[in-house]
Structure formats: C-alpha cells, structure tokens
Amino acid sequence: MSDSSDPRDQGDDDQFDGIVDEATDRDPDLAVIEAGSRTLRAMTGPPQGDPVPSRPEDPEVDRALREVENELATRWGETKLEPSVKRIAALMDVLGEPQRAYPSIHITGTNGKTSTARMIESLLGAFDLRTGRYTSPHVQTITERISLDGAPIDPERFIETYQDVKPYVEMVDAREEYRLSFFEVLTGMAYAAFADAPVDVAVVEVGMGGTWDATNVIDASVAVVTPIDLDHTDRLGSTTGEIAGEKSGVIKQDATVILAQQPVDAAQVLLKKAVEADATVAREGMEFGVTAREVAVGGQQLTLRGLGGEYEGVFLPLYGAHQAHNAAVALAAVEAFFGIGAQHARALDIDTVRRAFAQVASPGRLEVVRSSPTVVLDAAHNPHGARATAEAVTESFGFSRLIGVVSTSADKDARGLLEAFEPIFAEIVITSNSNPRATDPDALAALAVEIFGEDRVVVEPRLDDAIEAAITLAEEEGEYAGGGVLVTGSIFTVGDARLLLKRG
C-alpha cells in the first residue's frame, strides 16, 4: 500500500472535512468517501467504541505525519518484491542492529497472522512484559502498524522515529542499487522504536513470505506458522508446498516452531526445515489445540490444550472456528517463549490467560460496526480466508438474509473468493475501493454473474452507494427479521467502510 494518503484515516468531522478539501485536488476519489459518509451514518446509527487510532487532533502534528506518509509513498510499494534482505540488513547495520536488543516472536503464514499477533501481544502484556508489535497492512492509519504495550505508536513518536532513521535510510539508499522500499523503511522504524522504548519482546508479522521478507533480519526464538494456503502465487509459488518453502525461512537455528494445522505438502516442508535447524516443533492437533468451543454472546467460549496443560473457561471476543485455532497457536507460542513444553510441563496462570484473551480485539475481522440491520466487516481477501469467514458468519450470526458488499484487489483470486461466499449471500453488491489496484467493478460483476446469476448481482461503483444499497436490501426482511450486511474482499474495502460507518 504505497498510497499512504488513502482515505482510511479518521478524525472528527470538522477536521476530516478540512483534510478532504485539501486532499481532493490530489485524489478526487477521497471526496467520494466523504460524500456518502453522513448519509450512511444517518441510516445506521451511532458508532461503537473504536480501537483504531484517528488522525492527530493537532493540525501541525497531522501535517507532519502526512509529510512522512507522502515521503514513504515515493518508495516501492508493498506489492513489489525484490528477493533480498541486503538493503534492510545494511540499514540495521548502520542503525546499530536494534533488532538484536530484544527477543522476538516471528509470525508467518497465509491467513490469521495479524489476529494471532494481537493475541500473543495481549498474553505477553498480561504477564507484565513490555511488548512491541509490528503488523501489516494497516486498516485505516499507518501508525497502527507499530504498537507499543498494546497500543499503536502515537503520531508524534512515529514522526520522531522516522526523522531519527531518515539519515541512515538515505545513507543506504545512496550506496545500494535500489532505494529502500516503503515496507523496508517501516520495518527499520519498528525495530528502532522497539529498541528505543525499550520493549521486553517484539511480536513481528512478516509482510510477505518469509525468507526474503524485510522482517527476517531477526533471530526469533519462537517462529509461528499460521495456516498456509494459496495467495501471492506469482511471488511465493504455485503450490502450498512451494509457498511453505518460502515461509520456512523464519525458522532459525535452535528455535521453537509453532505450527498451525497445515496442508500435507506444506507440513512436510516446514518439518524438514525444522530438522535442519535443530528446532523444536509443536504441532496443532498433536502437542496443542482446541479441546472444546461453544458460541457465546459476543464471541466464543474455549477450552485450549497448551504445551503445559489445559486452559478452561477462556472467553474470546472474536467469531469463528479459525479464531479459536489462532488462539491455540498464540497460547502455544507464548508458552514456548516462557520455556514451557515437554521438559517443563507447567501451565501459565489460568486467570491471567483468561484476562488476556478477553481483552483481544482484531479490527476488520468479523467486526460488527452497526446494528438494525447488522453490518459486519471482514478483511478476507483470498478463498481460504473467505471460506473461514463464511463458516463463522453462518455459525455465529444466523442471518435470515445476508447481503454481501464486495470489492477485491486485481491480483487476488476473485473467483475463488466469490465461490466461497455464494452459499451465504442472498444477493451481492459489487463495488470498488480506494486502492488503485482494486478490481474494476464491471469485470468483477461479470465474474459474479457467472457464480450468482444475474438476478442476485447489483453493481454500485461507489462504496458508500454500495453499502446503502445493501442496507436497503437487508431491510426488506423487516426490522426484526434478521437481515444483515457483510462488507469484505480486501483490507482496503474494510478500511474505507470503517471510515464511512464508524464516525459519529
């Protein structure tokens, strides 16, 4: 996401109006987001509490942050991959190797990385450790990517960190064949911010893959691999085994590897790499896992089997079996970090574990943002994620009529995603989002017609119009009949929808 001036930032109405007036000259699409936001807010009622940071209230700080965002936007975007850690390693060298100032937990996989990272962060924080978390992409605001002690870095500190590393970035730029990319600079900023804090442990999510990912200049004592499926196949490989080969690069010598349930070919590759690195392996379904789960109001009630024992009565305020599995992976990762395993079979304090999981939030992951009718946002962007979302929606919400609002990115498997959602959508509204790589609505609609049939497909190129149309269709069931709306297909779609719907 190299366009860091995208409209996924939020603030109070007056401030946002000024931002849009200023930015519209650069990007007319920004005005589209604001044009529909008040209408949608009137239709859907007041917003709930929001864990995503807003734009800085101080105009000077906001202007300085935008200057940083604009400078970062001149660099290679995150979708452009050059298979080398040479540049980021050079940056770490001139910065004094900040990534070695603290232990790390490194997370790769196809889906579930950010939610798992947030759970790990919450668990570590509950045990009184200072945490740094680095995740991507952001939902609305770039500062979300770097968190300290469970909260996004404040804008002033983000700006200060950028200014601190900028001379070193320019030094590396001048002597390397290519300038450092957007993601490489942000990674350097995160590692520097964590060292400066200082943190007790960093929780780091890869950007893409593993071996050549910019984050992979750390030597994490715990490597986590969430479920691997087909995504970024043009860059990582055409089979789950090939993709696992790239992602296995996060497994370091003598580390502990926490493996979520994997396709057979991916598991074989990962286990082979672990053997080569003399790493200890813990596998979901073998050494740890989900023992029991029940749907509960606002989430689910879990019994988890960890590396050191069983944890009953764990409430997780997130929906879906996939989030329960993420919780099991997160718990095992934290146990491994504390040295709990076969040789040290002691459980973590159960009350602390319960408190940590009860506090977890994962914005944009089956996030309910409105009621009457219920509007849910989910960042599923590939078939594997879409199938998990569809199962979770069916299990947890019981809509009598569900309307989908979908916009995807052009480099994703849109057909597979639409096929996953077809059984649960009564109708689908095809739209677009602020991402320059968003799939053309007419092209996406043609694909949707093949899957859903022409009578179930509506096209509204503007997202605000699409959400309004979906709400109207859901309301045809009547106020108490259980109609709902699911906005999905891309993190950009979700970010734009949150901007439209979560500001009062």
Protein backbone atom coordinates (compact mmCIF):
# COMPACT_ATOMS: atom_id res chain seq x y z
CA MET A 1 0.00 0.00 0.00
CA SER A 2 2.28 2.70 -1.17
CA ASP A 3 -0.51 5.30 -1.30
CA SER A 4 -0.34 6.38 2.32
CA SER A 5 -2.65 9.33 1.59
CA ASP A 6 -5.57 6.94 1.15
CA PRO A 7 -8.84 7.80 2.95
CA ARG A 8 -8.53 5.12 5.63
CA ASP A 9 -7.75 7.78 8.25
CA GLN A 10 -10.39 9.16 10.54
CA GLY A 11 -10.87 12.11 12.86
CA ASP A 12 -13.67 14.40 13.98
CA ASP A 13 -15.99 15.69 11.25
CA ASP A 14 -14.59 19.23 11.06
CA GLN A 15 -11.03 18.03 10.83
CA PHE A 16 -11.91 15.37 8.28
CA ASP A 17 -13.75 17.93 6.15
CA GLY A 18 -10.59 20.03 6.02
CA ILE A 19 -8.44 17.04 5.17
CA VAL A 20 -10.74 16.06 2.32
CA ASP A 21 -10.86 19.61 0.96
CA GLU A 22 -7.06 19.71 0.95
CA ALA A 23 -6.62 16.23 -0.48
CA THR A 24 -9.32 16.26 -3.16
CA ASP A 25 -7.07 18.15 -5.55
CA ARG A 26 -4.62 15.22 -5.34
CA ASP A 27 -7.17 12.40 -5.40
CA PRO A 28 -10.82 13.10 -6.34
CA ASP A 29 -11.80 9.66 -5.01
CA LEU A 30 -11.28 10.94 -1.48
CA ALA A 31 -14.28 13.20 -1.89
CA VAL A 32 -16.40 10.16 -2.77
CA ILE A 33 -15.77 8.62 0.65
CA GLU A 34 -16.87 11.76 2.49
CA ALA A 35 -19.81 12.36 0.13
CA GLY A 36 -21.61 9.26 1.35
CA SER A 37 -20.45 9.04 4.94
CA ARG A 38 -23.07 11.25 6.57
CA THR A 39 -25.90 9.53 4.71
CA LEU A 40 -24.68 6.11 5.86
CA ARG A 41 -24.20 7.26 9.45
CA ALA A 42 -27.78 8.54 9.45
CA MET A 43 -29.02 5.17 8.21
CA THR A 44 -27.05 3.05 10.65
CA GLY A 45 -26.99 4.98 13.91
CA PRO A 46 -24.18 5.96 16.26
CA PRO A 47 -20.82 4.20 16.17
CA GLN A 48 -19.44 1.91 18.83
CA GLY A 49 -16.07 2.28 20.56
CA ASP A 50 -13.20 2.12 18.08
CA PRO A 51 -9.76 0.61 18.78
CA VAL A 52 -8.28 2.09 15.60
CA PRO A 53 -6.44 5.41 16.08
CA SER A 54 -7.78 8.56 14.49
CA ARG A 55 -5.85 11.29 12.73
CA PRO A 56 -3.95 13.61 15.10
CA GLU A 57 -6.13 16.39 16.50
CA ASP A 58 -3.24 18.87 16.42
CA PRO A 59 -3.13 20.27 12.86
CA GLU A 60 0.65 20.67 12.99
CA VAL A 61 1.16 17.06 14.04
CA ASP A 62 -1.28 15.90 11.37
CA ARG A 63 0.57 17.91 8.73
CA ALA A 64 3.92 16.47 9.84
CA LEU A 65 2.52 12.94 9.76
CA ARG A 66 1.20 13.48 6.24
CA GLU A 67 4.62 14.69 5.15
CA VAL A 68 6.12 11.45 6.43
CA GLU A 69 3.40 9.42 4.71
CA ASN A 70 3.99 11.26 1.45
CA GLU A 71 7.75 10.65 1.63
CA LEU A 72 7.17 6.96 2.29
CA ALA A 73 4.73 6.84 -0.62
CA THR A 74 7.52 7.75 -3.06
CA ARG A 75 9.18 4.39 -2.38
CA TRP A 76 8.43 0.94 -3.75
CA GLY A 77 5.04 -0.26 -2.62
CA GLU A 78 4.44 -3.46 -0.67
CA THR A 79 3.31 -5.41 -3.71
CA LYS A 80 6.72 -5.05 -5.38
CA LEU A 81 9.10 -7.70 -4.11
CA GLU A 82 12.86 -7.88 -4.75
CA PRO A 83 14.12 -11.15 -3.20
CA SER A 84 16.88 -9.85 -0.95
CA VAL A 85 17.39 -8.77 2.64
CA LYS A 86 20.59 -6.98 1.66
CA ARG A 87 19.16 -3.47 1.93
CA ILE A 88 17.34 -3.98 5.23
CA ALA A 89 20.43 -5.69 6.65
CA ALA A 90 22.50 -2.68 5.62
CA LEU A 91 20.03 -0.39 7.36
CA MET A 92 20.16 -2.48 10.53
CA ASP A 93 23.94 -2.32 10.41
CA VAL A 94 24.14 1.48 10.27
CA LEU A 95 21.41 1.74 12.95
CA GLY A 96 23.48 -0.42 15.31
CA GLU A 97 21.44 -3.64 14.98
CA PRO A 98 18.40 -2.51 17.02
CA GLN A 99 16.54 -5.76 16.24
CA ARG A 100 19.02 -7.65 18.45
CA ALA A 101 18.20 -5.59 21.55
CA TYR A 102 15.21 -7.79 22.50
CA PRO A 103 13.91 -11.33 21.89
CA SER A 104 11.30 -11.81 19.18
CA ILE A 105 8.38 -13.99 18.14
CA HIS A 106 8.15 -14.15 14.33
CA ILE A 107 4.84 -14.94 12.60
CA THR A 108 4.30 -16.09 9.03
CA GLY A 109 1.52 -17.96 7.21
CA THR A 110 -1.24 -17.08 4.74
CA ASN A 111 -4.17 -16.13 6.96
CA GLY A 112 -4.60 -15.27 10.62
CA LYS A 113 -1.23 -13.60 11.17
CA THR A 114 -2.49 -10.28 12.49
CA SER A 115 -5.14 -11.76 14.79
CA THR A 116 -2.60 -14.24 16.15
CA ALA A 117 -0.08 -11.44 16.70
CA ARG A 118 -2.66 -9.43 18.63
CA MET A 119 -3.45 -12.42 20.83
CA ILE A 120 0.24 -13.07 21.52
CA GLU A 121 0.72 -9.41 22.35
CA SER A 122 -2.22 -9.45 24.77
CA LEU A 123 -0.93 -12.58 26.52
CA LEU A 124 2.59 -11.23 26.92
CA GLY A 125 1.29 -7.91 28.18
CA ALA A 126 -0.92 -9.65 30.74
CA PHE A 127 2.24 -11.24 32.14
CA ASP A 128 3.74 -7.76 32.64
CA LEU A 129 6.09 -7.76 29.66
CA ARG A 130 6.59 -4.60 27.59
CA THR A 131 5.68 -5.52 24.04
CA GLY A 132 6.31 -4.18 20.57
CA ARG A 133 4.08 -5.43 17.75
CA TYR A 134 4.70 -4.92 14.04
CA THR A 135 1.88 -5.94 11.69
CA SER A 136 0.68 -5.09 8.20
CA PRO A 137 -1.21 -3.82 6.37
CA HIS A 138 -2.98 -1.15 8.38
CA VAL A 139 -6.77 -0.89 8.36
CA GLN A 140 -7.03 2.89 8.37
CA THR A 141 -3.98 4.64 9.84
CA ILE A 142 -0.31 3.93 9.19
CA THR A 143 0.57 4.24 12.89
CA GLU A 144 -1.42 1.03 13.54
CA ARG A 145 1.50 -0.97 12.15
CA ILE A 146 3.82 -0.23 15.08
CA SER A 147 2.41 -0.86 18.56
CA LEU A 148 3.99 -0.42 21.98
CA ASP A 149 2.42 -2.03 25.04
CA GLY A 150 -0.69 -2.98 23.09
CA ALA A 151 -1.43 0.47 21.66
CA PRO A 152 -0.50 1.98 18.30
CA ILE A 153 2.52 4.25 18.46
CA ASP A 154 1.41 7.84 18.89
CA PRO A 155 1.80 10.10 15.83
CA GLU A 156 4.47 12.28 17.43
CA ARG A 157 6.61 9.25 18.21
CA PHE A 158 6.05 7.83 14.73
CA ILE A 159 7.25 11.12 13.19
CA GLU A 160 10.23 11.30 15.56
CA THR A 161 11.22 7.73 14.75
CA TYR A 162 11.09 8.44 11.03
CA GLN A 163 13.21 11.56 11.42
CA ASP A 164 15.71 9.59 13.51
CA VAL A 165 16.18 6.84 10.92
CA LYS A 166 15.88 9.02 7.81
CA PRO A 167 19.59 9.99 7.57
CA TYR A 168 20.56 6.32 7.80
CA VAL A 169 17.94 5.37 5.21
CA GLU A 170 19.38 7.96 2.83
CA MET A 171 22.88 6.61 3.52
CA VAL A 172 21.79 3.10 2.48
CA ASP A 173 19.84 4.47 -0.50
CA ALA A 174 22.98 6.15 -1.79
CA ARG A 175 25.10 3.02 -1.84
CA GLU A 176 22.63 0.31 -2.88
CA GLU A 177 21.33 -0.45 -6.37
CA TYR A 178 17.74 0.19 -5.30
CA ARG A 179 16.35 2.54 -2.68
CA LEU A 180 14.86 1.00 0.43
CA SER A 181 11.20 0.18 -0.08
CA PHE A 182 8.18 1.50 1.83
CA PHE A 183 7.99 -1.71 3.84
CA GLU A 184 11.73 -1.85 4.50
CA VAL A 185 11.76 1.67 5.93
CA LEU A 186 8.75 0.93 8.13
CA THR A 187 10.41 -2.27 9.33
CA GLY A 188 13.54 -0.34 10.24
CA MET A 189 11.39 2.21 12.08
CA ALA A 190 9.62 -0.53 14.04
CA TYR A 191 12.84 -2.22 15.13
CA ALA A 192 14.35 1.12 16.12
CA ALA A 193 11.22 2.13 18.05
CA PHE A 194 11.21 -1.17 19.92
CA ALA A 195 14.86 -0.76 20.93
CA ASP A 196 14.29 2.82 21.99
CA ALA A 197 11.22 2.01 24.13
CA PRO A 198 12.73 -0.43 25.19
CA VAL A 199 10.50 -3.49 24.86
CA ASP A 200 10.91 -6.87 26.54
CA VAL A 201 9.77 -8.77 23.47
CA ALA A 202 8.79 -7.98 19.87
CA VAL A 203 5.90 -9.70 18.08
CA VAL A 204 6.64 -9.42 14.37
CA GLU A 205 4.41 -10.35 11.44
CA VAL A 206 6.05 -10.89 8.05
CA GLY A 207 4.91 -8.69 5.19
CA MET A 208 5.03 -11.43 2.54
CA GLY A 209 6.59 -14.87 2.57
CA GLY A 210 9.48 -15.28 4.98
CA THR A 211 12.96 -15.95 3.66
CA TRP A 212 13.31 -12.67 1.75
CA ASP A 213 10.87 -10.65 3.82
CA ALA A 214 12.31 -7.46 5.29
CA THR A 215 11.36 -8.53 8.80
CA ASN A 216 13.63 -11.58 8.51
CA VAL A 217 16.71 -9.89 9.94
CA ILE A 218 15.64 -11.01 13.41
CA ASP A 219 16.67 -14.30 15.03
CA ALA A 220 13.40 -15.15 16.71
CA SER A 221 13.44 -17.74 19.47
CA VAL A 222 9.85 -18.66 18.54
CA ALA A 223 8.65 -18.98 14.93
CA VAL A 224 4.90 -19.23 14.31
CA VAL A 225 3.38 -20.52 11.08
CA THR A 226 -0.36 -19.92 10.72
CA PRO A 227 -2.30 -21.91 8.09
CA ILE A 228 -0.72 -21.81 4.64
CA ASP A 229 -2.87 -21.62 1.53
CA LEU A 230 -2.61 -20.25 -2.00
CA ASP A 231 -2.00 -16.50 -2.10
CA HIS A 232 0.62 -14.31 -3.81
CA THR A 233 1.25 -17.32 -6.05
CA ASP A 234 3.06 -15.16 -8.63
CA ARG A 235 5.68 -14.34 -5.98
CA LEU A 236 5.73 -17.23 -3.50
CA GLY A 237 4.91 -20.35 -5.52
CA SER A 238 2.01 -22.15 -7.16
CA THR A 239 1.53 -24.87 -4.52
CA THR A 240 1.21 -24.77 -0.74
CA GLY A 241 4.45 -26.75 -0.54
CA GLU A 242 6.34 -24.15 -2.57
CA ILE A 243 4.83 -21.34 -0.51
CA ALA A 244 5.82 -23.16 2.69
CA GLY A 245 9.40 -23.31 1.40
CA GLU A 246 9.49 -19.52 1.23
CA LYS A 247 7.76 -19.06 4.58
CA SER A 248 10.03 -21.59 6.32
CA GLY A 249 12.80 -19.01 6.18
CA VAL A 250 11.62 -17.61 9.54
CA ILE A 251 12.70 -20.85 11.26
CA LYS A 252 16.09 -20.17 12.84
CA GLN A 253 18.69 -22.40 14.46
CA ASP A 254 17.53 -23.93 17.78
CA ALA A 255 14.22 -22.04 17.71
CA THR A 256 10.84 -23.40 18.75
CA VAL A 257 8.39 -23.69 15.86
CA ILE A 258 4.64 -23.46 16.47
CA LEU A 259 2.76 -24.98 13.54
CA ALA A 260 -0.94 -24.43 12.94
CA GLN A 261 -2.74 -27.16 11.03
CA GLN A 262 -1.21 -27.28 7.53
CA PRO A 263 -1.75 -28.97 4.15
CA VAL A 264 0.34 -32.15 3.96
CA ASP A 265 2.88 -30.82 1.47
CA ALA A 266 3.35 -27.61 3.46
CA ALA A 267 3.78 -29.53 6.72
CA GLN A 268 6.45 -31.75 5.15
CA VAL A 269 8.46 -28.75 4.00
CA LEU A 270 8.19 -26.98 7.34
CA LEU A 271 9.16 -30.06 9.35
CA LYS A 272 12.16 -30.68 7.10
CA LYS A 273 13.35 -27.12 7.66
CA ALA A 274 12.86 -27.50 11.42
CA VAL A 275 15.00 -30.65 11.45
CA GLU A 276 17.74 -28.87 9.50
CA ALA A 277 17.70 -26.02 12.04
CA ASP A 278 17.61 -28.35 15.09
CA ALA A 279 14.39 -26.59 16.03
CA THR A 280 11.79 -27.90 18.46
CA VAL A 281 8.38 -28.35 16.84
CA ALA A 282 4.91 -28.12 18.39
CA ARG A 283 2.03 -29.03 16.07
CA GLU A 284 -1.60 -28.08 16.40
CA GLY A 285 -3.64 -31.22 16.88
CA MET A 286 -0.67 -33.03 18.40
CA GLU A 287 1.12 -31.05 21.12
CA PHE A 288 -1.58 -28.37 21.48
CA GLY A 289 -5.00 -27.46 20.14
CA VAL A 290 -8.64 -26.54 20.72
CA THR A 291 -10.30 -29.07 23.01
CA ALA A 292 -13.78 -27.53 23.06
CA ARG A 293 -15.55 -24.43 21.84
CA GLU A 294 -19.05 -23.01 22.13
CA VAL A 295 -20.61 -19.97 20.52
CA ALA A 296 -21.19 -17.27 23.12
CA VAL A 297 -22.66 -13.79 23.12
CA GLY A 298 -20.04 -11.53 21.56
CA GLY A 299 -17.62 -14.32 20.70
CA GLN A 300 -16.93 -17.87 21.89
CA GLN A 301 -16.04 -19.90 24.96
CA LEU A 302 -12.97 -22.12 24.61
CA THR A 303 -11.05 -24.89 26.26
CA LEU A 304 -7.49 -24.88 24.97
CA ARG A 305 -4.83 -27.53 25.38
CA GLY A 306 -1.47 -25.86 25.64
CA LEU A 307 2.06 -27.16 25.86
CA GLY A 308 1.87 -27.11 29.66
CA GLY A 309 -1.70 -28.16 30.37
CA GLU A 310 -5.36 -27.41 29.75
CA TYR A 311 -6.96 -23.97 29.97
CA GLU A 312 -10.73 -24.00 30.54
CA GLY A 313 -13.25 -21.19 30.51
CA VAL A 314 -11.40 -18.95 28.07
CA PHE A 315 -13.68 -16.31 26.53
CA LEU A 316 -12.53 -14.97 23.16
CA PRO A 317 -14.47 -11.93 21.88
CA LEU A 318 -13.90 -12.89 18.24
CA TYR A 319 -16.05 -15.03 15.96
CA GLY A 320 -15.31 -18.24 14.12
CA ALA A 321 -13.51 -21.56 14.49
CA HIS A 322 -10.49 -20.04 12.73
CA GLN A 323 -10.07 -17.54 15.57
CA ALA A 324 -10.25 -20.35 18.13
CA HIS A 325 -7.39 -22.07 16.27
CA ASN A 326 -5.49 -18.78 16.19
CA ALA A 327 -5.94 -18.59 19.96
CA ALA A 328 -4.48 -22.07 20.43
CA VAL A 329 -1.49 -21.12 18.27
CA ALA A 330 -0.98 -17.86 20.19
CA LEU A 331 -1.14 -19.63 23.55
CA ALA A 332 1.41 -22.25 22.47
CA ALA A 333 3.72 -19.52 21.15
CA VAL A 334 3.67 -17.67 24.48
CA GLU A 335 4.19 -20.90 26.41
CA ALA A 336 7.18 -21.67 24.20
CA PHE A 337 8.55 -18.18 24.75
CA PHE A 338 8.40 -18.78 28.51
CA GLY A 339 10.12 -22.15 28.08
CA ILE A 340 7.04 -24.27 28.73
CA GLY A 341 6.99 -27.58 26.87
CA ALA A 342 7.57 -31.27 27.24
CA GLN A 343 10.52 -30.81 29.60
CA HIS A 344 8.83 -28.07 31.65
CA ALA A 345 5.20 -29.15 31.83
CA ARG A 346 3.71 -26.31 33.83
CA ALA A 347 0.76 -24.22 32.75
CA LEU A 348 0.54 -20.46 32.64
CA ASP A 349 -1.64 -18.80 35.28
CA ILE A 350 -5.18 -19.51 34.10
CA ASP A 351 -6.71 -16.26 35.35
CA THR A 352 -4.08 -14.22 33.53
CA VAL A 353 -4.66 -16.20 30.33
CA ARG A 354 -8.42 -15.67 30.61
CA ARG A 355 -7.98 -11.95 31.18
CA ALA A 356 -5.62 -11.61 28.23
CA PHE A 357 -7.88 -13.37 25.72
CA ALA A 358 -10.97 -11.48 26.94
CA GLN A 359 -9.24 -8.21 26.00
CA VAL A 360 -8.31 -9.17 22.44
CA ALA A 361 -9.62 -7.04 19.59
CA SER A 362 -8.91 -7.52 15.88
CA PRO A 363 -10.36 -4.64 13.84
CA GLY A 364 -11.73 -5.58 10.46
CA ARG A 365 -12.00 -9.28 11.30
CA LEU A 366 -15.72 -10.13 11.54
CA GLU A 367 -16.12 -6.77 13.22
CA VAL A 368 -19.69 -5.65 13.93
CA VAL A 369 -19.88 -1.92 13.29
CA ARG A 370 -23.63 -1.26 13.18
CA SER A 371 -26.99 -2.76 14.07
CA SER A 372 -30.51 -2.56 12.59
CA PRO A 373 -29.51 -4.05 10.27
CA THR A 374 -26.28 -5.62 11.46
CA VAL A 375 -23.28 -4.58 9.36
CA VAL A 376 -20.15 -6.73 9.65
CA LEU A 377 -16.71 -6.00 8.19
CA ASP A 378 -14.19 -8.71 7.34
CA ALA A 379 -10.86 -8.42 5.54
CA ALA A 380 -11.00 -11.85 3.84
CA HIS A 381 -9.14 -11.41 0.55
CA ASN A 382 -8.47 -14.96 -0.66
CA PRO A 383 -10.53 -18.16 -0.92
CA HIS A 384 -9.10 -19.71 2.25
CA GLY A 385 -10.00 -16.65 4.30
CA ALA A 386 -13.39 -16.34 2.64
CA ARG A 387 -14.32 -19.93 3.48
CA ALA A 388 -13.39 -19.37 7.13
CA THR A 389 -15.42 -16.17 7.20
CA ALA A 390 -18.45 -17.80 5.58
CA GLU A 391 -18.40 -20.62 8.13
CA ALA A 392 -18.04 -18.18 11.01
CA VAL A 393 -20.90 -15.97 9.81
CA THR A 394 -23.19 -18.96 9.44
CA GLU A 395 -22.30 -20.25 12.90
CA SER A 396 -22.29 -17.02 14.88
CA PHE A 397 -24.90 -14.72 13.35
CA GLY A 398 -27.76 -16.75 11.87
CA PHE A 399 -28.84 -14.08 9.40
CA SER A 400 -32.12 -14.84 7.65
CA ARG A 401 -30.93 -12.77 4.68
CA LEU A 402 -27.32 -11.70 4.19
CA ILE A 403 -26.24 -9.16 1.59
CA GLY A 404 -22.60 -9.05 0.53
CA VAL A 405 -20.70 -5.92 -0.42
CA VAL A 406 -17.51 -6.96 -2.23
CA SER A 407 -14.51 -5.26 -3.78
CA THR A 408 -11.27 -7.16 -4.36
CA SER A 409 -7.74 -6.39 -5.48
CA ALA A 410 -6.87 -7.20 -9.07
CA ASP A 411 -4.06 -9.60 -8.12
CA LYS A 412 -6.30 -11.84 -5.98
CA ASP A 413 -8.31 -14.98 -6.79
CA ALA A 414 -11.66 -13.20 -7.04
CA ARG A 415 -13.46 -16.24 -8.47
CA GLY A 416 -12.42 -18.44 -5.57
CA LEU A 417 -13.45 -15.77 -3.07
CA LEU A 418 -16.87 -15.25 -4.68
CA GLU A 419 -17.48 -19.01 -4.84
CA ALA A 420 -16.76 -19.27 -1.11
CA PHE A 421 -19.35 -16.60 -0.32
CA GLU A 422 -22.03 -17.70 -2.79
CA PRO A 423 -23.81 -20.10 -0.39
CA ILE A 424 -24.32 -17.44 2.28
CA PHE A 425 -25.15 -14.32 0.22
CA ALA A 426 -28.77 -13.83 -0.81
CA GLU A 427 -27.53 -11.02 -3.07
CA ILE A 428 -24.17 -9.41 -3.71
CA VAL A 429 -23.38 -5.74 -4.35
CA ILE A 430 -20.21 -5.32 -6.39
CA THR A 431 -18.28 -2.11 -5.80
CA SER A 432 -14.80 -0.59 -5.67
CA ASN A 433 -12.47 0.84 -3.03
CA SER A 434 -9.72 3.46 -2.73
CA ASN A 435 -6.92 1.06 -3.70
CA PRO A 436 -5.52 1.85 -7.17
CA ARG A 437 -5.25 -1.92 -7.63
CA ALA A 438 -8.95 -2.51 -6.94
CA THR A 439 -10.66 -4.82 -9.43
CA ASP A 440 -12.78 -2.95 -11.96
CA PRO A 441 -16.40 -3.27 -10.73
CA ASP A 442 -17.73 -4.24 -14.17
CA ALA A 443 -15.14 -7.01 -14.53
CA LEU A 444 -15.83 -8.26 -11.02
CA ALA A 445 -19.57 -8.09 -11.65
CA ALA A 446 -19.24 -10.19 -14.81
CA LEU A 447 -17.49 -12.83 -12.75
CA ALA A 448 -20.14 -12.58 -10.02
CA VAL A 449 -22.94 -13.07 -12.56
CA GLU A 450 -21.35 -16.37 -13.62
CA ILE A 451 -21.38 -17.56 -10.00
CA PHE A 452 -24.52 -15.98 -8.50
CA GLY A 453 -26.74 -15.44 -11.51
CA GLU A 454 -27.72 -12.06 -12.90
CA ASP A 455 -30.74 -11.61 -10.61
CA ARG A 456 -28.56 -11.75 -7.46
CA VAL A 457 -25.91 -9.23 -8.56
CA VAL A 458 -26.09 -5.46 -8.10
CA VAL A 459 -23.33 -3.06 -9.23
CA GLU A 460 -22.64 0.19 -7.37
CA PRO A 461 -19.16 1.54 -8.27
CA ARG A 462 -19.05 3.85 -5.23
CA LEU A 463 -18.63 2.11 -1.89
CA ASP A 464 -20.99 4.43 0.00
CA ASP A 465 -23.72 3.75 -2.56
CA ALA A 466 -22.98 0.02 -2.38
CA ILE A 467 -23.34 -0.10 1.41
CA GLU A 468 -26.53 1.96 1.24
CA ALA A 469 -27.95 -0.39 -1.40
CA ALA A 470 -27.01 -3.44 0.69
CA ILE A 471 -28.62 -1.98 3.82
CA THR A 472 -31.80 -1.30 1.84
CA LEU A 473 -31.84 -4.89 0.55
CA ALA A 474 -31.26 -6.27 4.06
CA GLU A 475 -34.07 -4.14 5.45
CA GLU A 476 -36.53 -5.79 3.06
CA GLU A 477 -36.66 -8.58 5.65
CA GLY A 478 -38.14 -6.15 8.17
CA GLU A 479 -36.58 -4.65 11.29
CA TYR A 480 -36.71 -7.83 13.36
CA ALA A 481 -36.32 -10.45 10.64
CA GLY A 482 -32.56 -10.86 10.86
CA GLY A 483 -31.21 -9.26 7.71
CA GLY A 484 -27.53 -8.32 7.63
CA VAL A 485 -24.69 -6.93 5.51
CA LEU A 486 -21.14 -8.27 5.17
CA VAL A 487 -18.55 -5.93 3.66
CA THR A 488 -15.48 -7.87 2.52
CA GLY A 489 -12.95 -8.72 -0.19
CA SER A 490 -9.99 -6.52 0.72
CA ILE A 491 -8.39 -4.71 3.65
CA PHE A 492 -8.92 -1.52 1.62
CA THR A 493 -12.65 -2.25 1.33
CA VAL A 494 -12.86 -2.76 5.07
CA GLY A 495 -10.80 0.33 5.84
CA ASP A 496 -12.93 2.52 3.61
CA ALA A 497 -16.13 1.05 5.08
CA ARG A 498 -14.91 1.71 8.62
CA LEU A 499 -14.28 5.32 7.68
CA LEU A 500 -17.80 5.58 6.34
CA LEU A 501 -19.54 3.78 9.18
CA LYS A 502 -17.60 4.24 12.41
CA ARG A 503 -17.57 8.01 12.72
CA GLY A 504 -20.39 9.78 14.50
